[in-house]
């Protein structure tokens, strides 16, 4: 299942980078994404140590805390560009493009 999810998310991530960054910075952003994938794979082996030390539930709780901290940091640091790109909230939970 993981391989199937990555097969769809990786091309979408690189397309998102190409659309979101200027051409002179897109290659650096792409390299950060690629490095992060391999760094995450390398760090995933630490979950074995967490499992042995805290059990599988404790390991999942620790990993969840890191995920929530990462999401909160991204929310605070990354700008909201939906208004800049001509997108409008139609209050149905989806975004629609405005004609400019």
N, C-alpha and C. Protein backbone atom coordinates (compact mmCIF):
# COMPACT_ATOMS: atom_id res chain seq x y z
N UNK A 1 0.82 -1.20 0.00
CA UNK A 1 0.00 0.00 0.00
C UNK A 1 0.86 1.26 0.00
N UNK A 2 1.95 1.22 0.75
CA UNK A 2 2.83 2.39 0.84
C UNK A 2 3.43 2.74 -0.52
N UNK A 3 3.86 1.73 -1.25
CA UNK A 3 4.43 1.97 -2.57
C UNK A 3 3.41 2.58 -3.52
N UNK A 4 2.17 2.12 -3.44
CA UNK A 4 1.12 2.67 -4.29
C UNK A 4 0.86 4.13 -3.96
N UNK A 5 0.84 4.47 -2.67
CA UNK A 5 0.62 5.85 -2.26
C UNK A 5 1.76 6.74 -2.73
N UNK A 6 2.99 6.26 -2.61
CA UNK A 6 4.15 7.04 -3.06
C UNK A 6 4.16 7.21 -4.57
N UNK A 7 3.66 6.21 -5.28
CA UNK A 7 3.63 6.31 -6.74
C UNK A 7 2.76 7.47 -7.21
N UNK A 8 1.73 7.81 -6.44
CA UNK A 8 0.86 8.92 -6.81
C UNK A 8 1.29 10.24 -6.17
N UNK A 9 1.82 10.18 -4.96
CA UNK A 9 2.14 11.42 -4.26
C UNK A 9 3.45 12.06 -4.72
N UNK A 10 4.41 11.27 -5.14
CA UNK A 10 5.70 11.83 -5.54
C UNK A 10 5.59 12.71 -6.78
N UNK A 11 4.96 12.27 -7.86
CA UNK A 11 4.81 13.18 -9.01
C UNK A 11 3.99 14.43 -8.67
N UNK A 12 2.99 14.27 -7.82
CA UNK A 12 2.18 15.42 -7.42
C UNK A 12 3.02 16.41 -6.62
N UNK A 13 3.91 15.90 -5.77
CA UNK A 13 4.77 16.78 -4.97
C UNK A 13 5.71 17.57 -5.86
N UNK A 14 6.31 16.92 -6.85
CA UNK A 14 7.22 17.64 -7.74
C UNK A 14 6.46 18.64 -8.62
N UNK A 15 5.24 18.33 -9.01
CA UNK A 15 4.42 19.28 -9.76
C UNK A 15 4.07 20.47 -8.88
N UNK A 16 3.73 20.22 -7.62
CA UNK A 16 3.44 21.29 -6.67
C UNK A 16 4.65 22.20 -6.51
N UNK A 17 5.83 21.62 -6.41
CA UNK A 17 7.06 22.43 -6.28
C UNK A 17 7.26 23.28 -7.53
N UNK A 18 7.08 22.69 -8.70
CA UNK A 18 7.25 23.44 -9.94
C UNK A 18 6.28 24.60 -10.05
N UNK A 19 5.07 24.41 -9.54
CA UNK A 19 4.05 25.46 -9.60
C UNK A 19 4.22 26.51 -8.50
N UNK A 20 4.88 26.16 -7.41
CA UNK A 20 4.93 27.03 -6.24
C UNK A 20 6.21 27.84 -6.11
N UNK A 21 7.27 27.42 -6.77
CA UNK A 21 8.55 28.09 -6.61
C UNK A 21 9.00 28.69 -7.92
N UNK A 22 9.74 29.82 -7.86
CA UNK A 22 10.32 30.36 -9.09
C UNK A 22 11.32 29.36 -9.68
N UNK A 23 11.55 29.46 -10.97
CA UNK A 23 12.40 28.49 -11.65
C UNK A 23 13.81 28.42 -11.06
N UNK A 24 14.33 29.54 -10.56
CA UNK A 24 15.68 29.53 -10.02
C UNK A 24 15.76 28.86 -8.64
N UNK A 25 14.63 28.66 -7.97
CA UNK A 25 14.63 28.02 -6.66
C UNK A 25 13.95 26.64 -6.67
N UNK A 26 13.35 26.27 -7.77
CA UNK A 26 12.63 24.99 -7.84
C UNK A 26 13.57 23.80 -7.72
N UNK A 27 14.76 23.91 -8.28
CA UNK A 27 15.69 22.77 -8.19
C UNK A 27 16.14 22.55 -6.75
N UNK A 28 16.35 23.64 -6.00
CA UNK A 28 16.72 23.49 -4.59
C UNK A 28 15.58 22.87 -3.79
N UNK A 29 14.35 23.31 -4.04
CA UNK A 29 13.19 22.75 -3.35
C UNK A 29 13.01 21.27 -3.69
N UNK A 30 13.23 20.92 -4.95
CA UNK A 30 13.13 19.51 -5.35
C UNK A 30 14.20 18.66 -4.67
N UNK A 31 15.40 19.23 -4.54
CA UNK A 31 16.47 18.47 -3.88
C UNK A 31 16.17 18.29 -2.39
N UNK A 32 15.53 19.28 -1.77
CA UNK A 32 15.14 19.13 -0.36
C UNK A 32 14.09 18.03 -0.21
N UNK A 33 13.14 17.97 -1.13
CA UNK A 33 12.13 16.92 -1.08
C UNK A 33 12.78 15.55 -1.23
N UNK A 34 13.65 15.41 -2.22
CA UNK A 34 14.33 14.14 -2.43
C UNK A 34 15.18 13.73 -1.24
N UNK A 35 15.89 14.68 -0.66
CA UNK A 35 16.71 14.39 0.53
C UNK A 35 15.84 14.00 1.71
N UNK A 36 14.71 14.66 1.85
CA UNK A 36 13.81 14.36 2.96
C UNK A 36 13.24 12.95 2.87
N UNK A 37 12.99 12.49 1.65
CA UNK A 37 12.47 11.13 1.47
C UNK A 37 13.50 10.11 1.96
N UNK A 38 14.75 10.31 1.58
CA UNK A 38 15.79 9.36 1.99
C UNK A 38 16.13 9.51 3.47
N UNK A 39 16.11 10.73 3.99
CA UNK A 39 16.36 10.93 5.42
C UNK A 39 15.25 10.27 6.25
N UNK A 40 14.01 10.41 5.80
CA UNK A 40 12.90 9.77 6.49
C UNK A 40 13.03 8.25 6.48
N UNK A 41 13.47 7.70 5.36
CA UNK A 41 13.69 6.26 5.29
C UNK A 41 14.78 5.81 6.24
N UNK A 42 15.83 6.61 6.34
CA UNK A 42 16.93 6.26 7.25
C UNK A 42 16.48 6.36 8.70
N UNK A 43 15.71 7.38 9.03
CA UNK A 43 15.26 7.56 10.41
C UNK A 43 14.15 6.59 10.80
N UNK A 44 13.51 6.00 9.81
CA UNK A 44 12.42 5.07 10.14
C UNK A 44 12.91 3.85 10.91
N UNK A 45 14.17 3.52 10.74
CA UNK A 45 14.70 2.38 11.49
C UNK A 45 14.74 2.66 12.99
N UNK A 46 14.69 3.94 13.37
CA UNK A 46 14.63 4.28 14.79
C UNK A 46 13.33 3.82 15.44
N UNK A 47 12.30 3.62 14.62
CA UNK A 47 11.04 3.15 15.18
C UNK A 47 11.18 1.76 15.81
N UNK A 48 12.14 0.98 15.33
CA UNK A 48 12.39 -0.33 15.93
C UNK A 48 12.90 -0.16 17.36
N UNK A 49 13.81 0.80 17.54
CA UNK A 49 14.32 1.08 18.88
C UNK A 49 13.23 1.62 19.79
N UNK A 50 12.38 2.49 19.26
CA UNK A 50 11.27 3.01 20.05
C UNK A 50 10.32 1.90 20.46
N UNK A 51 10.06 0.97 19.54
CA UNK A 51 9.17 -0.14 19.83
C UNK A 51 9.73 -1.02 20.94
N UNK A 52 11.01 -1.28 20.88
CA UNK A 52 11.62 -2.12 21.92
C UNK A 52 11.61 -1.42 23.28
N UNK A 53 11.79 -0.10 23.28
CA UNK A 53 11.88 0.64 24.53
C UNK A 53 10.51 0.98 25.13
N UNK A 54 9.55 1.39 24.28
CA UNK A 54 8.27 1.89 24.77
C UNK A 54 7.07 1.06 24.35
N UNK A 55 7.27 0.03 23.56
CA UNK A 55 6.15 -0.75 23.04
C UNK A 55 5.59 -0.08 21.79
N UNK A 56 4.75 -0.80 21.06
CA UNK A 56 4.27 -0.24 19.79
C UNK A 56 3.36 0.96 20.00
N UNK A 57 2.55 0.97 21.06
CA UNK A 57 1.67 2.12 21.30
C UNK A 57 2.48 3.35 21.68
N UNK A 58 3.48 3.17 22.52
CA UNK A 58 4.34 4.30 22.90
C UNK A 58 5.11 4.85 21.71
N UNK A 59 5.58 3.94 20.85
CA UNK A 59 6.30 4.37 19.66
C UNK A 59 5.40 5.20 18.75
N UNK A 60 4.16 4.75 18.56
CA UNK A 60 3.23 5.50 17.72
C UNK A 60 2.89 6.86 18.33
N UNK A 61 2.78 6.93 19.65
CA UNK A 61 2.49 8.20 20.30
C UNK A 61 3.65 9.18 20.14
N UNK A 62 4.86 8.69 20.28
CA UNK A 62 6.03 9.56 20.11
C UNK A 62 6.11 10.06 18.67
N UNK A 63 5.89 9.19 17.72
CA UNK A 63 5.93 9.58 16.31
C UNK A 63 4.80 10.57 16.00
N UNK A 64 3.62 10.37 16.61
CA UNK A 64 2.50 11.29 16.40
C UNK A 64 2.83 12.68 16.92
N UNK A 65 3.52 12.76 18.06
CA UNK A 65 3.91 14.07 18.59
C UNK A 65 4.82 14.79 17.61
N UNK A 66 5.80 14.07 17.05
CA UNK A 66 6.68 14.70 16.06
C UNK A 66 5.89 15.14 14.82
N UNK A 67 4.92 14.36 14.40
CA UNK A 67 4.09 14.74 13.26
C UNK A 67 3.27 15.98 13.53
N UNK A 68 2.69 16.06 14.73
CA UNK A 68 1.89 17.24 15.08
C UNK A 68 2.76 18.49 15.20
N UNK A 69 3.94 18.34 15.77
CA UNK A 69 4.86 19.49 15.86
C UNK A 69 5.28 19.94 14.47
N UNK A 70 5.54 19.00 13.58
CA UNK A 70 5.91 19.33 12.21
C UNK A 70 4.76 20.05 11.49
N UNK A 71 3.54 19.57 11.67
CA UNK A 71 2.38 20.20 11.03
C UNK A 71 2.16 21.61 11.58
N UNK A 72 2.29 21.78 12.90
CA UNK A 72 2.10 23.10 13.50
C UNK A 72 3.19 24.07 13.03
N UNK A 73 4.42 23.58 12.93
CA UNK A 73 5.51 24.43 12.45
C UNK A 73 5.26 24.86 11.01
N UNK A 74 4.82 23.94 10.18
CA UNK A 74 4.51 24.27 8.79
C UNK A 74 3.38 25.28 8.70
N UNK A 75 2.37 25.12 9.53
CA UNK A 75 1.23 26.03 9.52
C UNK A 75 1.68 27.45 9.89
N UNK A 76 2.57 27.55 10.85
CA UNK A 76 3.03 28.87 11.30
C UNK A 76 4.00 29.50 10.30
N UNK A 77 4.92 28.71 9.76
CA UNK A 77 5.98 29.27 8.93
C UNK A 77 5.61 29.46 7.46
N UNK A 78 4.77 28.61 6.92
CA UNK A 78 4.44 28.72 5.50
C UNK A 78 3.31 29.72 5.28
N UNK A 79 3.46 30.58 4.29
CA UNK A 79 2.42 31.60 4.05
C UNK A 79 1.18 30.98 3.41
N UNK A 80 0.04 31.62 3.64
CA UNK A 80 -1.21 31.23 3.00
C UNK A 80 -1.28 31.94 1.66
N UNK A 81 -1.12 31.21 0.58
CA UNK A 81 -1.09 31.83 -0.74
C UNK A 81 -2.37 31.60 -1.53
N UNK A 82 -3.42 31.13 -0.91
CA UNK A 82 -4.65 30.86 -1.65
C UNK A 82 -5.26 32.15 -2.19
N UNK A 83 -5.13 33.26 -1.49
CA UNK A 83 -5.65 34.54 -1.98
C UNK A 83 -4.78 35.10 -3.10
N UNK A 84 -3.46 34.85 -3.01
CA UNK A 84 -2.54 35.36 -4.01
C UNK A 84 -2.69 34.67 -5.35
N UNK A 85 -3.08 33.40 -5.38
CA UNK A 85 -3.16 32.65 -6.62
C UNK A 85 -4.55 32.69 -7.25
N UNK A 86 -5.42 33.57 -6.76
CA UNK A 86 -6.73 33.70 -7.36
C UNK A 86 -7.68 32.60 -6.97
N UNK A 87 -7.54 32.09 -5.77
CA UNK A 87 -8.43 31.03 -5.31
C UNK A 87 -9.37 31.61 -4.26
N UNK A 88 -10.60 31.19 -4.30
CA UNK A 88 -11.61 31.72 -3.39
C UNK A 88 -12.29 30.56 -2.69
N UNK A 89 -12.54 30.72 -1.41
CA UNK A 89 -13.24 29.69 -0.64
C UNK A 89 -14.72 29.79 -0.95
N UNK A 90 -15.32 28.70 -1.42
CA UNK A 90 -16.74 28.72 -1.73
C UNK A 90 -17.57 28.14 -0.59
N UNK A 91 -16.98 28.04 0.59
CA UNK A 91 -17.59 27.57 1.84
C UNK A 91 -18.24 26.18 1.72
N UNK A 92 -17.84 25.42 0.73
CA UNK A 92 -18.30 24.04 0.63
C UNK A 92 -17.15 23.08 0.92
N UNK A 93 -16.05 23.63 1.45
CA UNK A 93 -14.91 22.80 1.77
C UNK A 93 -13.96 22.61 0.60
N UNK A 94 -14.22 23.29 -0.53
CA UNK A 94 -13.33 23.20 -1.67
C UNK A 94 -12.96 24.60 -2.12
N UNK A 95 -11.91 24.69 -2.90
CA UNK A 95 -11.48 25.97 -3.44
C UNK A 95 -11.84 26.04 -4.92
N UNK A 96 -12.22 27.21 -5.38
CA UNK A 96 -12.50 27.41 -6.79
C UNK A 96 -11.60 28.51 -7.31
N UNK A 97 -11.29 28.45 -8.59
CA UNK A 97 -10.45 29.46 -9.21
C UNK A 97 -11.30 30.64 -9.66
N UNK A 98 -10.78 31.83 -9.41
CA UNK A 98 -11.44 33.05 -9.86
C UNK A 98 -10.89 33.42 -11.23
N UNK A 99 -11.70 34.08 -12.03
CA UNK A 99 -11.21 34.63 -13.30
C UNK A 99 -10.61 35.99 -13.03
N UNK A 100 -9.35 36.16 -13.42
CA UNK A 100 -8.68 37.46 -13.21
C UNK A 100 -8.44 38.13 -14.52
